[in-house]
């Protein structure tokens, strides 16, 4: 279970560049659930993931994951509990190393690593069995440098590596956004398959309204550092693509209305 309470973060405080990126975020995610976070650019989606992953320490609030309060832990310590897949298919892997060597590194996440990565025949057989489920023929190319693969192939392997040790939480940060439509659809399908198969708890940031409708059990919408909608259970089952677009429009119109009222009040009383 993930529990975020009173989470706030301001970048460049007390300067002309001040940005209130997160404003008193409260979010509880049940074990085994799959939640999508959507919102416009600058809404705080990726900032929320970064706060959970440990990219920075929040100004206020707490983050509890699997009964551990992790908000003051460094990022490398949180990596023992958290798997993450980034937007860039080439992030999180070593291009010059082979597929097998990259996966062995993932298998040893959180452990002291030797100077050389040992890929024994037994380990390679285990890797081949797991890679085969991707249905990309990569089980026969385990000695190939991972940097020679396409973006879709590499992202599929990154997803497999991030989930190899069954993390307590899987963070997906727009992990299909840089792919062509066919590869994005394949990675989306693999994502749902692996999460269901391994019974993982997942938090996914996405700009794809269709993915938000099709993949997760719950949709959280953010705007200007706050959660403005939370669709789960029956509300999530009923939601459709156009409903999310309508909600976006409603939130933005409400903000414009609030701003116009504020300007009117200022003009009258100042």
C-alpha atoms as a PDB file:
ATOM      1  CA  UNK A   1       0.000   0.000   0.000  1.00  0.00           C
ATOM      2  CA  UNK A   2       1.089   3.559  -0.773  1.00  0.00           C
ATOM      3  CA  UNK A   3      -0.082   6.445   1.410  1.00  0.00           C
ATOM      4  CA  UNK A   4       0.804  10.037   0.581  1.00  0.00           C
ATOM      5  CA  UNK A   5      -0.268  12.638   3.136  1.00  0.00           C
ATOM      6  CA  UNK A   6       0.022  16.425   3.013  1.00  0.00           C
ATOM      7  CA  UNK A   7       2.701  16.318   0.315  1.00  0.00           C
ATOM      8  CA  UNK A   8       3.891  19.747  -0.851  1.00  0.00           C
ATOM      9  CA  UNK A   9       6.843  20.954  -2.875  1.00  0.00           C
ATOM     10  CA  UNK A  10       7.806  24.451  -4.005  1.00  0.00           C
ATOM     11  CA  UNK A  11      10.716  24.947  -6.376  1.00  0.00           C
ATOM     12  CA  UNK A  12      12.755  28.191  -6.278  1.00  0.00           C
ATOM     13  CA  UNK A  13      10.828  29.575  -3.265  1.00  0.00           C
ATOM     14  CA  UNK A  14      10.764  33.340  -2.646  1.00  0.00           C
ATOM     15  CA  UNK A  15      12.065  34.093  -6.143  1.00  0.00           C
ATOM     16  CA  UNK A  16      10.437  35.310  -9.349  1.00  0.00           C
ATOM     17  CA  UNK A  17      10.704  31.700 -10.612  1.00  0.00           C
ATOM     18  CA  UNK A  18       8.779  30.186  -7.678  1.00  0.00           C
ATOM     19  CA  UNK A  19       6.660  27.176  -8.673  1.00  0.00           C
ATOM     20  CA  UNK A  20       4.254  25.498  -6.256  1.00  0.00           C
ATOM     21  CA  UNK A  21       4.518  22.097  -7.907  1.00  0.00           C
ATOM     22  CA  UNK A  22       2.626  20.040  -5.308  1.00  0.00           C
ATOM     23  CA  UNK A  23       0.021  21.460  -2.926  1.00  0.00           C
ATOM     24  CA  UNK A  24      -1.026  19.296   0.013  1.00  0.00           C
ATOM     25  CA  UNK A  25      -1.433  16.057  -1.956  1.00  0.00           C
ATOM     26  CA  UNK A  26      -3.310  13.252  -0.192  1.00  0.00           C
ATOM     27  CA  UNK A  27      -3.470   9.920  -1.995  1.00  0.00           C
ATOM     28  CA  UNK A  28      -3.904   6.333  -0.825  1.00  0.00           C
ATOM     29  CA  UNK A  29      -3.352   3.475  -3.263  1.00  0.00           C
ATOM     30  CA  UNK A  30      -4.402  -0.025  -2.296  1.00  0.00           C
ATOM     31  CA  UNK A  31      -2.069  -2.968  -2.734  1.00  0.00           C
ATOM     32  CA  UNK A  32      -2.506  -4.614  -6.114  1.00  0.00           C
ATOM     33  CA  UNK A  33      -4.255  -1.629  -7.715  1.00  0.00           C
ATOM     34  CA  UNK A  34      -3.305   0.173 -10.925  1.00  0.00           C
ATOM     35  CA  UNK A  35      -3.777   3.965 -10.907  1.00  0.00           C
ATOM     36  CA  UNK A  36      -3.297   6.413 -13.778  1.00  0.00           C
ATOM     37  CA  UNK A  37      -2.416  10.070 -13.142  1.00  0.00           C
ATOM     38  CA  UNK A  38      -3.474  12.480 -15.877  1.00  0.00           C
ATOM     39  CA  UNK A  39      -3.355  16.252 -16.263  1.00  0.00           C
ATOM     40  CA  UNK A  40      -2.093  19.093 -18.411  1.00  0.00           C
ATOM     41  CA  UNK A  41       1.580  20.005 -18.727  1.00  0.00           C
ATOM     42  CA  UNK A  42       2.769  21.471 -15.434  1.00  0.00           C
ATOM     43  CA  UNK A  43      -0.063  19.900 -13.443  1.00  0.00           C
ATOM     44  CA  UNK A  44       2.347  18.050 -11.136  1.00  0.00           C
ATOM     45  CA  UNK A  45       2.014  14.505 -12.485  1.00  0.00           C
ATOM     46  CA  UNK A  46       5.686  13.685 -12.960  1.00  0.00           C
ATOM     47  CA  UNK A  47       6.608  15.787  -9.912  1.00  0.00           C
ATOM     48  CA  UNK A  48       4.423  13.479  -7.824  1.00  0.00           C
ATOM     49  CA  UNK A  49       6.216  10.422  -9.217  1.00  0.00           C
ATOM     50  CA  UNK A  50       9.600  12.047  -8.594  1.00  0.00           C
ATOM     51  CA  UNK A  51       8.613  12.803  -5.004  1.00  0.00           C
ATOM     52  CA  UNK A  52       7.651   9.174  -4.434  1.00  0.00           C
ATOM     53  CA  UNK A  53      10.795   7.866  -6.162  1.00  0.00           C
ATOM     54  CA  UNK A  54      13.064  10.151  -4.121  1.00  0.00           C
ATOM     55  CA  UNK A  55      14.358  12.479  -6.836  1.00  0.00           C
ATOM     56  CA  UNK A  56      13.905  15.245  -4.250  1.00  0.00           C
ATOM     57  CA  UNK A  57      12.776  15.555  -0.625  1.00  0.00           C
ATOM     58  CA  UNK A  58       9.324  17.151  -0.200  1.00  0.00           C
ATOM     59  CA  UNK A  59       8.878  20.358   1.792  1.00  0.00           C
ATOM     60  CA  UNK A  60       6.070  18.872   3.869  1.00  0.00           C
ATOM     61  CA  UNK A  61       4.145  15.636   4.119  1.00  0.00           C
ATOM     62  CA  UNK A  62       4.824  11.934   4.410  1.00  0.00           C
ATOM     63  CA  UNK A  63       5.113   8.974   2.022  1.00  0.00           C
ATOM     64  CA  UNK A  64       4.474   5.505   3.411  1.00  0.00           C
ATOM     65  CA  UNK A  65       5.103   2.474   1.225  1.00  0.00           C
ATOM     66  CA  UNK A  66       4.661  -1.105   2.452  1.00  0.00           C
ATOM     67  CA  UNK A  67       4.656   0.117   6.086  1.00  0.00           C
ATOM     68  CA  UNK A  68       7.896   2.071   5.585  1.00  0.00           C
ATOM     69  CA  UNK A  69       7.985   5.860   5.841  1.00  0.00           C
ATOM     70  CA  UNK A  70      10.245   6.633   2.909  1.00  0.00           C
ATOM     71  CA  UNK A  71       9.907  10.409   2.370  1.00  0.00           C
ATOM     72  CA  UNK A  72      13.366  11.088   3.844  1.00  0.00           C
ATOM     73  CA  UNK A  73      15.051   8.071   2.245  1.00  0.00           C
ATOM     74  CA  UNK A  74      17.550   8.693  -0.574  1.00  0.00           C
ATOM     75  CA  UNK A  75      16.533   7.577  -4.032  1.00  0.00           C
ATOM     76  CA  UNK A  76      18.883   4.570  -4.121  1.00  0.00           C
ATOM     77  CA  UNK A  77      17.361   3.200  -0.901  1.00  0.00           C
ATOM     78  CA  UNK A  78      13.818   3.578  -2.208  1.00  0.00           C
ATOM     79  CA  UNK A  79      14.883   1.651  -5.336  1.00  0.00           C
ATOM     80  CA  UNK A  80      14.777  -1.523  -3.221  1.00  0.00           C
ATOM     81  CA  UNK A  81      11.002  -1.117  -3.033  1.00  0.00           C
ATOM     82  CA  UNK A  82      10.256   0.783  -6.249  1.00  0.00           C
ATOM     83  CA  UNK A  83      10.610  -0.159  -9.898  1.00  0.00           C
ATOM     84  CA  UNK A  84      10.453   2.620 -12.472  1.00  0.00           C
ATOM     85  CA  UNK A  85      10.121   2.960 -16.236  1.00  0.00           C
ATOM     86  CA  UNK A  86      10.834   6.359 -17.801  1.00  0.00           C
ATOM     87  CA  UNK A  87       9.551   8.002 -20.984  1.00  0.00           C
ATOM     88  CA  UNK A  88      12.918   7.645 -22.707  1.00  0.00           C
ATOM     89  CA  UNK A  89      13.381   4.006 -23.832  1.00  0.00           C
ATOM     90  CA  UNK A  90      17.140   4.447 -23.438  1.00  0.00           C
ATOM     91  CA  UNK A  91      17.019   5.506 -19.774  1.00  0.00           C
ATOM     92  CA  UNK A  92      17.743   2.935 -17.089  1.00  0.00           C
ATOM     93  CA  UNK A  93      19.884   0.635 -19.253  1.00  0.00           C
ATOM     94  CA  UNK A  94      23.535   0.446 -20.256  1.00  0.00           C
ATOM     95  CA  UNK A  95      23.648   0.601 -24.066  1.00  0.00           C
ATOM     96  CA  UNK A  96      27.030  -1.131 -24.462  1.00  0.00           C
ATOM     97  CA  UNK A  97      26.126  -4.074 -22.247  1.00  0.00           C
ATOM     98  CA  UNK A  98      24.236  -7.098 -23.514  1.00  0.00           C
ATOM     99  CA  UNK A  99      20.570  -7.789 -22.883  1.00  0.00           C
ATOM    100  CA  UNK A 100      21.535 -10.528 -20.428  1.00  0.00           C
ATOM    101  CA  UNK A 101      23.999  -8.298 -18.541  1.00  0.00           C
ATOM    102  CA  UNK A 102      21.439  -5.521 -18.202  1.00  0.00           C
ATOM    103  CA  UNK A 103      18.888  -7.953 -16.821  1.00  0.00           C
ATOM    104  CA  UNK A 104      21.382  -9.427 -14.357  1.00  0.00           C
ATOM    105  CA  UNK A 105      21.966  -5.900 -13.049  1.00  0.00           C
ATOM    106  CA  UNK A 106      18.219  -5.585 -12.522  1.00  0.00           C
ATOM    107  CA  UNK A 107      18.164  -8.951 -10.752  1.00  0.00           C
ATOM    108  CA  UNK A 108      20.744  -7.622  -8.291  1.00  0.00           C
ATOM    109  CA  UNK A 109      19.045  -4.289  -7.616  1.00  0.00           C
ATOM    110  CA  UNK A 110      19.713  -3.235  -4.032  1.00  0.00           C
ATOM    111  CA  UNK A 111      22.590  -5.697  -3.626  1.00  0.00           C
ATOM    112  CA  UNK A 112      26.371  -5.020  -3.700  1.00  0.00           C
ATOM    113  CA  UNK A 113      27.526  -5.493  -7.284  1.00  0.00           C
ATOM    114  CA  UNK A 114      30.775  -7.226  -8.283  1.00  0.00           C
ATOM    115  CA  UNK A 115      33.200  -5.608 -10.701  1.00  0.00           C
ATOM    116  CA  UNK A 116      32.100  -8.067 -13.360  1.00  0.00           C
ATOM    117  CA  UNK A 117      28.542  -9.108 -14.160  1.00  0.00           C
ATOM    118  CA  UNK A 118      28.344 -12.914 -14.069  1.00  0.00           C
ATOM    119  CA  UNK A 119      25.951 -14.388 -16.621  1.00  0.00           C
ATOM    120  CA  UNK A 120      26.066 -18.129 -16.082  1.00  0.00           C
ATOM    121  CA  UNK A 121      24.307 -20.594 -18.358  1.00  0.00           C
ATOM    122  CA  UNK A 122      21.746 -21.247 -15.608  1.00  0.00           C
ATOM    123  CA  UNK A 123      21.019 -17.530 -15.233  1.00  0.00           C
ATOM    124  CA  UNK A 124      20.817 -17.130 -19.004  1.00  0.00           C
ATOM    125  CA  UNK A 125      18.224 -19.915 -19.203  1.00  0.00           C
ATOM    126  CA  UNK A 126      16.153 -18.164 -16.527  1.00  0.00           C
ATOM    127  CA  UNK A 127      16.438 -14.874 -18.403  1.00  0.00           C
ATOM    128  CA  UNK A 128      15.447 -16.505 -21.706  1.00  0.00           C
ATOM    129  CA  UNK A 129      12.297 -17.951 -20.114  1.00  0.00           C
ATOM    130  CA  UNK A 130      11.195 -14.548 -18.849  1.00  0.00           C
ATOM    131  CA  UNK A 131      12.158 -12.656 -22.025  1.00  0.00           C
ATOM    132  CA  UNK A 132      10.235 -15.160 -24.161  1.00  0.00           C
ATOM    133  CA  UNK A 133       6.934 -13.903 -22.730  1.00  0.00           C
ATOM    134  CA  UNK A 134       7.544 -10.572 -24.503  1.00  0.00           C
ATOM    135  CA  UNK A 135       7.024 -12.411 -27.811  1.00  0.00           C
ATOM    136  CA  UNK A 136       9.669 -10.348 -29.595  1.00  0.00           C
ATOM    137  CA  UNK A 137      12.220 -13.075 -30.323  1.00  0.00           C
ATOM    138  CA  UNK A 138      14.727 -11.426 -27.968  1.00  0.00           C
ATOM    139  CA  UNK A 139      15.384 -14.653 -26.069  1.00  0.00           C
ATOM    140  CA  UNK A 140      17.664 -15.630 -28.983  1.00  0.00           C
ATOM    141  CA  UNK A 141      19.581 -12.313 -28.850  1.00  0.00           C
ATOM    142  CA  UNK A 142      20.617 -12.161 -25.193  1.00  0.00           C
ATOM    143  CA  UNK A 143      24.268 -11.524 -26.085  1.00  0.00           C
ATOM    144  CA  UNK A 144      23.419  -8.511 -28.275  1.00  0.00           C
ATOM    145  CA  UNK A 145      24.143  -5.046 -26.890  1.00  0.00           C
ATOM    146  CA  UNK A 146      20.859  -3.597 -25.673  1.00  0.00           C
ATOM    147  CA  UNK A 147      21.703  -0.343 -27.441  1.00  0.00           C
ATOM    148  CA  UNK A 148      21.224  -2.022 -30.833  1.00  0.00           C
ATOM    149  CA  UNK A 149      17.516  -2.636 -30.205  1.00  0.00           C
ATOM    150  CA  UNK A 150      14.564  -0.523 -31.309  1.00  0.00           C
ATOM    151  CA  UNK A 151      12.878   1.811 -28.843  1.00  0.00           C
ATOM    152  CA  UNK A 152       9.917  -0.520 -28.424  1.00  0.00           C
ATOM    153  CA  UNK A 153      12.106  -3.569 -27.803  1.00  0.00           C
ATOM    154  CA  UNK A 154      14.226  -1.683 -25.312  1.00  0.00           C
ATOM    155  CA  UNK A 155      11.189  -0.322 -23.464  1.00  0.00           C
ATOM    156  CA  UNK A 156       9.734  -3.842 -23.244  1.00  0.00           C
ATOM    157  CA  UNK A 157      12.966  -5.064 -21.664  1.00  0.00           C
ATOM    158  CA  UNK A 158      13.078  -2.039 -19.337  1.00  0.00           C
ATOM    159  CA  UNK A 159       9.552  -2.882 -18.191  1.00  0.00           C
ATOM    160  CA  UNK A 160      10.603  -6.483 -17.592  1.00  0.00           C
ATOM    161  CA  UNK A 161      13.698  -5.354 -15.659  1.00  0.00           C
ATOM    162  CA  UNK A 162      11.707  -2.913 -13.508  1.00  0.00           C
ATOM    163  CA  UNK A 163       9.321  -5.700 -12.474  1.00  0.00           C
ATOM    164  CA  UNK A 164      11.804  -8.573 -12.234  1.00  0.00           C
ATOM    165  CA  UNK A 165      11.999  -8.473  -8.413  1.00  0.00           C
ATOM    166  CA  UNK A 166       8.267  -7.719  -7.940  1.00  0.00           C
ATOM    167  CA  UNK A 167       8.657  -4.209  -6.510  1.00  0.00           C
ATOM    168  CA  UNK A 168       6.245  -2.952  -3.875  1.00  0.00           C
ATOM    169  CA  UNK A 169       5.412  -0.131  -6.293  1.00  0.00           C
ATOM    170  CA  UNK A 170       5.866   0.240 -10.048  1.00  0.00           C
ATOM    171  CA  UNK A 171       6.146   3.809 -11.363  1.00  0.00           C
ATOM    172  CA  UNK A 172       5.447   4.354 -15.063  1.00  0.00           C
ATOM    173  CA  UNK A 173       6.345   7.867 -16.207  1.00  0.00           C
ATOM    174  CA  UNK A 174       4.745   8.340 -19.649  1.00  0.00           C
ATOM    175  CA  UNK A 175       6.515   5.141 -20.641  1.00  0.00           C
ATOM    176  CA  UNK A 176       4.902   4.886 -24.091  1.00  0.00           C
ATOM    177  CA  UNK A 177       5.027   8.586 -25.058  1.00  0.00           C
ATOM    178  CA  UNK A 178       8.268   8.379 -27.089  1.00  0.00           C
ATOM    179  CA  UNK A 179       7.217   5.311 -29.093  1.00  0.00           C
ATOM    180  CA  UNK A 180       5.488   4.960 -32.437  1.00  0.00           C
ATOM    181  CA  UNK A 181       1.770   4.017 -32.177  1.00  0.00           C
ATOM    182  CA  UNK A 182       2.298   0.296 -32.854  1.00  0.00           C
ATOM    183  CA  UNK A 183       5.100  -0.017 -30.284  1.00  0.00           C
ATOM    184  CA  UNK A 184       3.127   2.075 -27.771  1.00  0.00           C
ATOM    185  CA  UNK A 185       0.145  -0.264 -28.097  1.00  0.00           C
ATOM    186  CA  UNK A 186       2.401  -3.292 -27.598  1.00  0.00           C
ATOM    187  CA  UNK A 187       4.021  -1.827 -24.470  1.00  0.00           C
ATOM    188  CA  UNK A 188       0.603  -0.868 -23.089  1.00  0.00           C
ATOM    189  CA  UNK A 189      -0.580  -4.446 -23.583  1.00  0.00           C
ATOM    190  CA  UNK A 190       2.558  -5.840 -21.907  1.00  0.00           C
ATOM    191  CA  UNK A 191       2.140  -3.389 -19.035  1.00  0.00           C
ATOM    192  CA  UNK A 192      -1.343  -4.612 -18.178  1.00  0.00           C
ATOM    193  CA  UNK A 193      -0.266  -8.236 -18.652  1.00  0.00           C
ATOM    194  CA  UNK A 194       2.749  -8.000 -16.316  1.00  0.00           C
ATOM    195  CA  UNK A 195       0.885  -6.016 -13.663  1.00  0.00           C
ATOM    196  CA  UNK A 196      -1.944  -8.566 -13.636  1.00  0.00           C
ATOM    197  CA  UNK A 197       0.384 -11.562 -13.740  1.00  0.00           C
ATOM    198  CA  UNK A 198       2.668 -10.349 -10.939  1.00  0.00           C
ATOM    199  CA  UNK A 199      -0.175  -8.705  -8.959  1.00  0.00           C
ATOM    200  CA  UNK A 200       1.758  -5.441  -8.770  1.00  0.00           C
ATOM    201  CA  UNK A 201       0.754  -2.064  -7.380  1.00  0.00           C
ATOM    202  CA  UNK A 202       1.306   0.515 -10.119  1.00  0.00           C
ATOM    203  CA  UNK A 203       1.129   4.274 -10.586  1.00  0.00           C
ATOM    204  CA  UNK A 204       1.215   5.487 -14.206  1.00  0.00           C
ATOM    205  CA  UNK A 205       1.523   9.027 -15.526  1.00  0.00           C
ATOM    206  CA  UNK A 206       0.140   9.321 -19.035  1.00  0.00           C
ATOM    207  CA  UNK A 207      -0.987  11.906 -21.571  1.00  0.00           C
ATOM    208  CA  UNK A 208      -2.982   9.239 -23.408  1.00  0.00           C
ATOM    209  CA  UNK A 209      -6.640   9.484 -22.455  1.00  0.00           C
ATOM    210  CA  UNK A 210      -7.276   6.164 -24.184  1.00  0.00           C
ATOM    211  CA  UNK A 211      -4.649   4.422 -22.034  1.00  0.00           C
ATOM    212  CA  UNK A 212      -6.121   6.060 -18.937  1.00  0.00           C
ATOM    213  CA  UNK A 213      -9.499   4.576 -19.860  1.00  0.00           C
ATOM    214  CA  UNK A 214      -8.274   1.133 -20.960  1.00  0.00           C
ATOM    215  CA  UNK A 215      -5.440   0.138 -18.610  1.00  0.00           C
ATOM    216  CA  UNK A 216      -5.856   1.128 -14.941  1.00  0.00           C
ATOM    217  CA  UNK A 217      -8.479   0.528 -12.250  1.00  0.00           C
ATOM    218  CA  UNK A 218      -8.487   4.176 -11.159  1.00  0.00           C
ATOM    219  CA  UNK A 219      -7.889   7.621 -12.695  1.00  0.00           C
ATOM    220  CA  UNK A 220      -6.558  10.605 -10.742  1.00  0.00           C
ATOM    221  CA  UNK A 221      -6.583  13.991 -12.465  1.00  0.00           C
ATOM    222  CA  UNK A 222      -4.173  16.726 -11.357  1.00  0.00           C
ATOM    223  CA  UNK A 223      -4.201  20.428 -12.076  1.00  0.00           C
ATOM    224  CA  UNK A 224      -1.745  23.054 -10.826  1.00  0.00           C
ATOM    225  CA  UNK A 225      -0.262  20.758  -8.198  1.00  0.00           C
ATOM    226  CA  UNK A 226      -3.548  19.499  -6.802  1.00  0.00           C
ATOM    227  CA  UNK A 227      -5.795  16.468  -7.278  1.00  0.00           C
ATOM    228  CA  UNK A 228      -9.042  17.723  -8.821  1.00  0.00           C
ATOM    229  CA  UNK A 229     -10.733  14.430  -9.808  1.00  0.00           C
ATOM    230  CA  UNK A 230     -10.498  10.859  -8.503  1.00  0.00           C
ATOM    231  CA  UNK A 231     -12.386   8.228 -10.493  1.00  0.00           C
ATOM    232  CA  UNK A 232     -12.505   4.724  -9.063  1.00  0.00           C
ATOM    233  CA  UNK A 233     -14.793   1.693  -8.738  1.00  0.00           C
ATOM    234  CA  UNK A 234     -18.084   2.223 -10.642  1.00  0.00           C
ATOM    235  CA  UNK A 235     -17.164   5.776 -11.696  1.00  0.00           C
ATOM    236  CA  UNK A 236     -14.008   4.456 -13.383  1.00  0.00           C
ATOM    237  CA  UNK A 237     -15.877   1.616 -15.086  1.00  0.00           C
ATOM    238  CA  UNK A 238     -18.347   4.084 -16.627  1.00  0.00           C
ATOM    239  CA  UNK A 239     -15.824   6.672 -17.803  1.00  0.00           C
ATOM    240  CA  UNK A 240     -15.044   7.024 -21.502  1.00  0.00           C
ATOM    241  CA  UNK A 241     -12.449   8.958 -23.504  1.00  0.00           C
ATOM    242  CA  UNK A 242     -14.746  11.921 -24.179  1.00  0.00           C
ATOM    243  CA  UNK A 243     -15.666  12.111 -20.479  1.00  0.00           C
ATOM    244  CA  UNK A 244     -12.032  12.827 -19.581  1.00  0.00           C
ATOM    245  CA  UNK A 245     -11.774  15.487 -22.286  1.00  0.00           C
ATOM    246  CA  UNK A 246     -14.954  17.110 -20.934  1.00  0.00           C
ATOM    247  CA  UNK A 247     -13.512  17.037 -17.411  1.00  0.00           C
ATOM    248  CA  UNK A 248     -10.328  18.746 -18.621  1.00  0.00           C
ATOM    249  CA  UNK A 249     -12.402  21.471 -20.242  1.00  0.00           C
ATOM    250  CA  UNK A 250     -14.538  21.904 -17.130  1.00  0.00           C
ATOM    251  CA  UNK A 251     -11.492  22.254 -14.859  1.00  0.00           C
ATOM    252  CA  UNK A 252      -9.844  24.802 -17.149  1.00  0.00           C
ATOM    253  CA  UNK A 253     -13.048  26.844 -17.560  1.00  0.00           C
ATOM    254  CA  UNK A 254     -13.532  26.848 -13.773  1.00  0.00           C
ATOM    255  CA  UNK A 255     -10.006  28.176 -13.346  1.00  0.00           C
ATOM    256  CA  UNK A 256     -10.575  30.915 -15.937  1.00  0.00           C
ATOM    257  CA  UNK A 257     -13.809  31.855 -14.177  1.00  0.00           C
ATOM    258  CA  UNK A 258     -12.060  32.040 -10.798  1.00  0.00           C
ATOM    259  CA  UNK A 259      -9.303  34.224 -12.279  1.00  0.00           C
ATOM    260  CA  UNK A 260     -11.811  36.589 -13.898  1.00  0.00           C
ATOM    261  CA  UNK A 261     -13.728  36.941 -10.619  1.00  0.00           C
ATOM    262  CA  UNK A 262     -10.477  37.667  -8.763  1.00  0.00           C
ATOM    263  CA  UNK A 263      -9.546  40.367 -11.285  1.00  0.00           C
ATOM    264  CA  UNK A 264     -13.000  41.912 -10.964  1.00  0.00           C
ATOM    265  CA  UNK A 265     -12.737  42.019  -7.171  1.00  0.00           C
ATOM    266  CA  UNK A 266      -9.271  43.553  -7.366  1.00  0.00           C
ATOM    267  CA  UNK A 267     -10.462  46.236  -9.779  1.00  0.00           C
ATOM    268  CA  UNK A 268     -13.371  47.131  -7.500  1.00  0.00           C
ATOM    269  CA  UNK A 269     -11.659  47.148  -4.123  1.00  0.00           C
ATOM    270  CA  UNK A 270      -8.025  48.088  -4.839  1.00  0.00           C
END
